[in-house]
Amino acid sequence: MTKHKVGIIVGSNRRESINRRFALALARLLADRFEIAWVRIDDLPMYNQDLEGDRPETVRRFTAEVGALPALLFVTPEHNRSIPAVLKNAIDWGSKPTDKNVWRGKVAAITGTANGAIGTAVAQQHLRAILGDVGTLVMGGEAYVTFKPEPVDTEGNFVDESRRTFCKAYMDQFALLVQRLASPPGA
């Protein structure tokens, strides 16, 4: 049986991103059921409609990658109670022009981590609204994970068993949704 692909988009362009470490740990929870594709967004130029006629190569690569994926896991930090500019920029590139919107019909889950008590709760709510507007089916449920104490080590391995158990349940729910919605009927 062929594994479905799941793309992981980390909403950070920081080299030492705790969300990148967290995403690596989540990818390991999915690896036995899915082929994981890491979708890079940090090399995209700022969205500018003037560039639509001759899209930069990085934008063509990005939209082709997302377009080929049935499902996406977004792992994002929170910047000023919203999503980081690098992530909003990627969403804008993928949604334009409207007839070539690569987000439409994708299955997605959202999570993230931060040092605060509510993790990335507000950013996740904003991202849920934006993705819904561009036609992405976002899984219900919420996964706000605080990074204090650190749930994963520098290699992306869970070191906190209670948060590993919580995240595994969330990834299991996502896997079930992807398998149901990304598989043809009767498969």
C-alpha atoms as a PDB file:
ATOM      1  CA  MET A   1       0.000   0.000   0.000  1.00  0.00           C
ATOM      2  CA  THR A   2       1.335   3.418  -0.987  1.00  0.00           C
ATOM      3  CA  LYS A   3       1.703   5.945   1.808  1.00  0.00           C
ATOM      4  CA  HIS A   4      -0.031   9.294   1.433  1.00  0.00           C
ATOM      5  CA  LYS A   5       2.209  12.343   1.501  1.00  0.00           C
ATOM      6  CA  VAL A   6       1.895  14.914   4.246  1.00  0.00           C
ATOM      7  CA  GLY A   7       3.665  18.236   3.864  1.00  0.00           C
ATOM      8  CA  ILE A   8       4.962  19.997   6.922  1.00  0.00           C
ATOM      9  CA  ILE A   9       5.167  23.774   6.881  1.00  0.00           C
ATOM     10  CA  VAL A  10       7.008  25.428   9.741  1.00  0.00           C
ATOM     11  CA  GLY A  11       5.866  29.029  10.088  1.00  0.00           C
ATOM     12  CA  SER A  12       9.282  30.277  11.099  1.00  0.00           C
ATOM     13  CA  ASN A  13      12.443  31.301   9.306  1.00  0.00           C
ATOM     14  CA  ARG A  14      14.561  31.263  12.473  1.00  0.00           C
ATOM     15  CA  ARG A  15      17.584  28.915  12.337  1.00  0.00           C
ATOM     16  CA  GLU A  16      17.092  27.691  15.913  1.00  0.00           C
ATOM     17  CA  SER A  17      13.303  27.595  15.738  1.00  0.00           C
ATOM     18  CA  ILE A  18      11.670  25.651  18.572  1.00  0.00           C
ATOM     19  CA  ASN A  19       8.737  25.041  16.207  1.00  0.00           C
ATOM     20  CA  ARG A  20      11.090  23.348  13.724  1.00  0.00           C
ATOM     21  CA  ARG A  21      12.298  21.052  16.534  1.00  0.00           C
ATOM     22  CA  PHE A  22       8.693  20.416  17.530  1.00  0.00           C
ATOM     23  CA  ALA A  23       7.738  19.704  13.886  1.00  0.00           C
ATOM     24  CA  LEU A  24      10.543  17.144  13.640  1.00  0.00           C
ATOM     25  CA  ALA A  25       9.162  15.330  16.693  1.00  0.00           C
ATOM     26  CA  LEU A  26       5.641  15.404  15.197  1.00  0.00           C
ATOM     27  CA  ALA A  27       6.954  14.103  11.858  1.00  0.00           C
ATOM     28  CA  ARG A  28       8.376  11.108  13.693  1.00  0.00           C
ATOM     29  CA  LEU A  29       4.913  10.377  15.081  1.00  0.00           C
ATOM     30  CA  LEU A  30       3.549  10.307  11.503  1.00  0.00           C
ATOM     31  CA  ALA A  31       6.454   8.630   9.693  1.00  0.00           C
ATOM     32  CA  ASP A  32       5.156   5.078   9.978  1.00  0.00           C
ATOM     33  CA  ARG A  33       1.937   6.025   8.148  1.00  0.00           C
ATOM     34  CA  PHE A  34       2.931   8.839   5.790  1.00  0.00           C
ATOM     35  CA  GLU A  35       5.655  10.006   3.510  1.00  0.00           C
ATOM     36  CA  ILE A  36       6.774  13.332   4.969  1.00  0.00           C
ATOM     37  CA  ALA A  37       7.620  16.285   2.716  1.00  0.00           C
ATOM     38  CA  TRP A  38       9.190  19.402   4.249  1.00  0.00           C
ATOM     39  CA  VAL A  39       7.869  22.497   2.464  1.00  0.00           C
ATOM     40  CA  ARG A  40      10.279  25.407   2.594  1.00  0.00           C
ATOM     41  CA  ILE A  41       8.860  28.950   2.875  1.00  0.00           C
ATOM     42  CA  ASP A  42      11.804  31.032   4.080  1.00  0.00           C
ATOM     43  CA  ASP A  43      13.177  31.660   0.579  1.00  0.00           C
ATOM     44  CA  LEU A  44      10.003  33.173  -0.898  1.00  0.00           C
ATOM     45  CA  PRO A  45      10.092  36.852  -1.876  1.00  0.00           C
ATOM     46  CA  MET A  46       7.431  39.091  -0.384  1.00  0.00           C
ATOM     47  CA  TYR A  47       4.166  38.634  -2.264  1.00  0.00           C
ATOM     48  CA  ASN A  48       3.726  41.247  -4.974  1.00  0.00           C
ATOM     49  CA  GLN A  49       1.018  40.992  -7.604  1.00  0.00           C
ATOM     50  CA  ASP A  50       3.401  42.686 -10.065  1.00  0.00           C
ATOM     51  CA  LEU A  51       5.408  39.426 -10.078  1.00  0.00           C
ATOM     52  CA  GLU A  52       2.440  37.249 -11.088  1.00  0.00           C
ATOM     53  CA  GLY A  53       3.275  37.367 -14.794  1.00  0.00           C
ATOM     54  CA  ASP A  54       6.751  35.947 -14.297  1.00  0.00           C
ATOM     55  CA  ARG A  55       6.793  34.201 -10.927  1.00  0.00           C
ATOM     56  CA  PRO A  56      10.173  33.747  -9.266  1.00  0.00           C
ATOM     57  CA  GLU A  57      11.567  30.193  -9.370  1.00  0.00           C
ATOM     58  CA  THR A  58      11.213  29.796  -5.594  1.00  0.00           C
ATOM     59  CA  VAL A  59       7.494  30.575  -5.860  1.00  0.00           C
ATOM     60  CA  ARG A  60       7.031  28.076  -8.711  1.00  0.00           C
ATOM     61  CA  ARG A  61       8.843  25.412  -6.652  1.00  0.00           C
ATOM     62  CA  PHE A  62       6.751  26.179  -3.578  1.00  0.00           C
ATOM     63  CA  THR A  63       3.368  26.142  -5.333  1.00  0.00           C
ATOM     64  CA  ALA A  64       4.263  22.930  -7.207  1.00  0.00           C
ATOM     65  CA  GLU A  65       5.208  21.228  -3.927  1.00  0.00           C
ATOM     66  CA  VAL A  66       2.045  22.290  -2.120  1.00  0.00           C
ATOM     67  CA  GLY A  67      -0.107  21.512  -5.150  1.00  0.00           C
ATOM     68  CA  ALA A  68       1.145  17.914  -5.178  1.00  0.00           C
ATOM     69  CA  LEU A  69       0.304  17.274  -1.512  1.00  0.00           C
ATOM     70  CA  PRO A  70      -3.088  16.051  -0.265  1.00  0.00           C
ATOM     71  CA  ALA A  71      -2.456  17.110   3.334  1.00  0.00           C
ATOM     72  CA  LEU A  72      -0.464  19.641   5.339  1.00  0.00           C
ATOM     73  CA  LEU A  73       0.626  20.021   8.932  1.00  0.00           C
ATOM     74  CA  PHE A  74       1.278  23.622   9.959  1.00  0.00           C
ATOM     75  CA  VAL A  75       3.569  24.124  12.954  1.00  0.00           C
ATOM     76  CA  THR A  76       3.779  27.805  13.741  1.00  0.00           C
ATOM     77  CA  PRO A  77       5.047  30.236  16.323  1.00  0.00           C
ATOM     78  CA  GLU A  78       3.017  33.267  17.355  1.00  0.00           C
ATOM     79  CA  HIS A  79       4.200  36.785  16.536  1.00  0.00           C
ATOM     80  CA  ASN A  80       2.326  39.668  18.156  1.00  0.00           C
ATOM     81  CA  ARG A  81      -0.794  37.523  18.663  1.00  0.00           C
ATOM     82  CA  SER A  82      -0.904  36.392  15.038  1.00  0.00           C
ATOM     83  CA  ILE A  83       0.950  34.289  12.493  1.00  0.00           C
ATOM     84  CA  PRO A  84       4.481  35.194  11.381  1.00  0.00           C
ATOM     85  CA  ALA A  85       4.854  37.287   8.242  1.00  0.00           C
ATOM     86  CA  VAL A  86       6.812  34.503   6.499  1.00  0.00           C
ATOM     87  CA  LEU A  87       3.826  32.148   6.847  1.00  0.00           C
ATOM     88  CA  LYS A  88       1.249  34.730   5.711  1.00  0.00           C
ATOM     89  CA  ASN A  89       3.470  35.483   2.734  1.00  0.00           C
ATOM     90  CA  ALA A  90       3.540  31.800   1.755  1.00  0.00           C
ATOM     91  CA  ILE A  91      -0.242  31.559   2.033  1.00  0.00           C
ATOM     92  CA  ASP A  92      -0.633  34.641  -0.151  1.00  0.00           C
ATOM     93  CA  TRP A  93       1.672  33.218  -2.860  1.00  0.00           C
ATOM     94  CA  GLY A  94      -0.202  29.907  -2.805  1.00  0.00           C
ATOM     95  CA  SER A  95      -3.641  31.507  -3.065  1.00  0.00           C
ATOM     96  CA  LYS A  96      -2.950  33.726  -6.085  1.00  0.00           C
ATOM     97  CA  PRO A  97      -4.146  33.921  -8.728  1.00  0.00           C
ATOM     98  CA  THR A  98      -7.448  32.605  -7.449  1.00  0.00           C
ATOM     99  CA  ASP A  99      -7.875  30.058 -10.249  1.00  0.00           C
ATOM    100  CA  LYS A 100      -4.483  28.520  -9.295  1.00  0.00           C
ATOM    101  CA  ASN A 101      -5.044  28.459  -5.522  1.00  0.00           C
ATOM    102  CA  VAL A 102      -2.963  25.493  -4.259  1.00  0.00           C
ATOM    103  CA  TRP A 103      -4.600  25.471  -0.816  1.00  0.00           C
ATOM    104  CA  ARG A 104      -8.108  24.627  -2.047  1.00  0.00           C
ATOM    105  CA  GLY A 105      -9.203  21.122  -1.096  1.00  0.00           C
ATOM    106  CA  LYS A 106      -6.202  20.318   1.102  1.00  0.00           C
ATOM    107  CA  VAL A 107      -6.643  18.637   4.481  1.00  0.00           C
ATOM    108  CA  ALA A 108      -4.699  20.399   7.236  1.00  0.00           C
ATOM    109  CA  ALA A 109      -3.910  20.367  10.933  1.00  0.00           C
ATOM    110  CA  ILE A 110      -2.465  23.248  12.906  1.00  0.00           C
ATOM    111  CA  THR A 111      -0.280  23.303  15.991  1.00  0.00           C
ATOM    112  CA  GLY A 112       2.652  25.185  17.390  1.00  0.00           C
ATOM    113  CA  THR A 113       4.652  25.842  20.499  1.00  0.00           C
ATOM    114  CA  ALA A 114       5.848  28.856  22.448  1.00  0.00           C
ATOM    115  CA  ASN A 115       7.212  29.633  25.881  1.00  0.00           C
ATOM    116  CA  GLY A 116       3.953  31.206  27.086  1.00  0.00           C
ATOM    117  CA  ALA A 117       1.197  29.433  28.983  1.00  0.00           C
ATOM    118  CA  ILE A 118      -1.192  29.288  26.025  1.00  0.00           C
ATOM    119  CA  GLY A 119       1.393  28.289  23.453  1.00  0.00           C
ATOM    120  CA  THR A 120       0.380  29.629  20.060  1.00  0.00           C
ATOM    121  CA  ALA A 121      -3.383  29.702  20.639  1.00  0.00           C
ATOM    122  CA  VAL A 122      -4.107  33.062  19.029  1.00  0.00           C
ATOM    123  CA  ALA A 123      -1.872  32.435  16.005  1.00  0.00           C
ATOM    124  CA  GLN A 124      -3.575  29.091  15.471  1.00  0.00           C
ATOM    125  CA  GLN A 125      -7.000  30.723  15.487  1.00  0.00           C
ATOM    126  CA  HIS A 126      -5.864  33.309  12.935  1.00  0.00           C
ATOM    127  CA  LEU A 127      -4.303  30.614  10.749  1.00  0.00           C
ATOM    128  CA  ARG A 128      -7.483  28.519  10.952  1.00  0.00           C
ATOM    129  CA  ALA A 129      -9.521  31.496   9.679  1.00  0.00           C
ATOM    130  CA  ILE A 130      -7.074  32.275   6.852  1.00  0.00           C
ATOM    131  CA  LEU A 131      -6.821  28.669   5.671  1.00  0.00           C
ATOM    132  CA  GLY A 132     -10.595  28.278   5.756  1.00  0.00           C
ATOM    133  CA  ASP A 133     -10.912  31.368   3.579  1.00  0.00           C
ATOM    134  CA  VAL A 134      -8.563  29.922   0.926  1.00  0.00           C
ATOM    135  CA  GLY A 135     -10.449  26.618   0.829  1.00  0.00           C
ATOM    136  CA  THR A 136      -8.425  24.352   3.109  1.00  0.00           C
ATOM    137  CA  LEU A 137     -10.284  21.831   5.262  1.00  0.00           C
ATOM    138  CA  VAL A 138      -8.751  22.339   8.701  1.00  0.00           C
ATOM    139  CA  MET A 139      -9.098  19.593  11.284  1.00  0.00           C
ATOM    140  CA  GLY A 140     -11.072  20.501  14.378  1.00  0.00           C
ATOM    141  CA  GLY A 141      -9.518  20.368  17.809  1.00  0.00           C
ATOM    142  CA  GLU A 142      -6.679  22.394  19.167  1.00  0.00           C
ATOM    143  CA  ALA A 143      -3.112  21.579  20.135  1.00  0.00           C
ATOM    144  CA  TYR A 144      -1.518  24.379  22.112  1.00  0.00           C
ATOM    145  CA  VAL A 145       1.817  23.218  23.490  1.00  0.00           C
ATOM    146  CA  THR A 146       3.950  25.268  25.845  1.00  0.00           C
ATOM    147  CA  PHE A 147       7.707  24.897  25.401  1.00  0.00           C
ATOM    148  CA  LYS A 148       8.515  25.263  29.108  1.00  0.00           C
ATOM    149  CA  PRO A 149       9.878  22.909  30.158  1.00  0.00           C
ATOM    150  CA  GLU A 150      11.080  21.863  26.727  1.00  0.00           C
ATOM    151  CA  PRO A 151       9.000  18.957  25.373  1.00  0.00           C
ATOM    152  CA  VAL A 152      11.624  18.020  22.747  1.00  0.00           C
ATOM    153  CA  ASP A 153      15.404  18.030  22.723  1.00  0.00           C
ATOM    154  CA  THR A 154      17.630  19.751  20.173  1.00  0.00           C
ATOM    155  CA  GLU A 155      17.359  16.684  17.885  1.00  0.00           C
ATOM    156  CA  GLY A 156      13.541  16.751  17.846  1.00  0.00           C
ATOM    157  CA  ASN A 157      12.957  13.837  20.231  1.00  0.00           C
ATOM    158  CA  PHE A 158      10.190  14.058  22.817  1.00  0.00           C
ATOM    159  CA  VAL A 159      11.585  14.233  26.350  1.00  0.00           C
ATOM    160  CA  ASP A 160       8.253  14.860  28.082  1.00  0.00           C
ATOM    161  CA  GLU A 161       6.070  11.745  27.951  1.00  0.00           C
ATOM    162  CA  SER A 162       2.788  13.510  28.790  1.00  0.00           C
ATOM    163  CA  ARG A 163       3.206  15.963  25.896  1.00  0.00           C
ATOM    164  CA  ARG A 164       4.329  13.142  23.596  1.00  0.00           C
ATOM    165  CA  THR A 165       1.114  11.263  24.464  1.00  0.00           C
ATOM    166  CA  PHE A 166      -0.993  14.394  23.850  1.00  0.00           C
ATOM    167  CA  CYS A 167       0.727  15.114  20.523  1.00  0.00           C
ATOM    168  CA  LYS A 168       0.473  11.475  19.421  1.00  0.00           C
ATOM    169  CA  ALA A 169      -3.305  11.562  19.979  1.00  0.00           C
ATOM    170  CA  TYR A 170      -3.526  14.766  17.907  1.00  0.00           C
ATOM    171  CA  MET A 171      -1.385  13.278  15.113  1.00  0.00           C
ATOM    172  CA  ASP A 172      -3.471  10.068  15.201  1.00  0.00           C
ATOM    173  CA  GLN A 173      -6.618  12.172  14.715  1.00  0.00           C
ATOM    174  CA  PHE A 174      -4.952  13.996  11.800  1.00  0.00           C
ATOM    175  CA  ALA A 175      -3.792  10.699  10.260  1.00  0.00           C
ATOM    176  CA  LEU A 176      -7.327   9.293  10.413  1.00  0.00           C
ATOM    177  CA  LEU A 177      -8.752  12.404   8.757  1.00  0.00           C
ATOM    178  CA  VAL A 178      -6.133  12.336   5.988  1.00  0.00           C
ATOM    179  CA  GLN A 179      -6.665   8.638   5.330  1.00  0.00           C
ATOM    180  CA  ARG A 180     -10.432   9.093   5.100  1.00  0.00           C
ATOM    181  CA  LEU A 181     -10.431  12.228   2.968  1.00  0.00           C
ATOM    182  CA  ALA A 182      -7.381  11.637   0.781  1.00  0.00           C
ATOM    183  CA  SER A 183      -8.270   8.066  -0.201  1.00  0.00           C
ATOM    184  CA  PRO A 184     -10.702   7.333  -3.010  1.00  0.00           C
ATOM    185  CA  PRO A 185     -14.029   5.783  -1.925  1.00  0.00           C
ATOM    186  CA  GLY A 186     -13.785   2.021  -1.487  1.00  0.00           C
ATOM    187  CA  ALA A 187      -9.985   2.087  -1.218  1.00  0.00           C
END
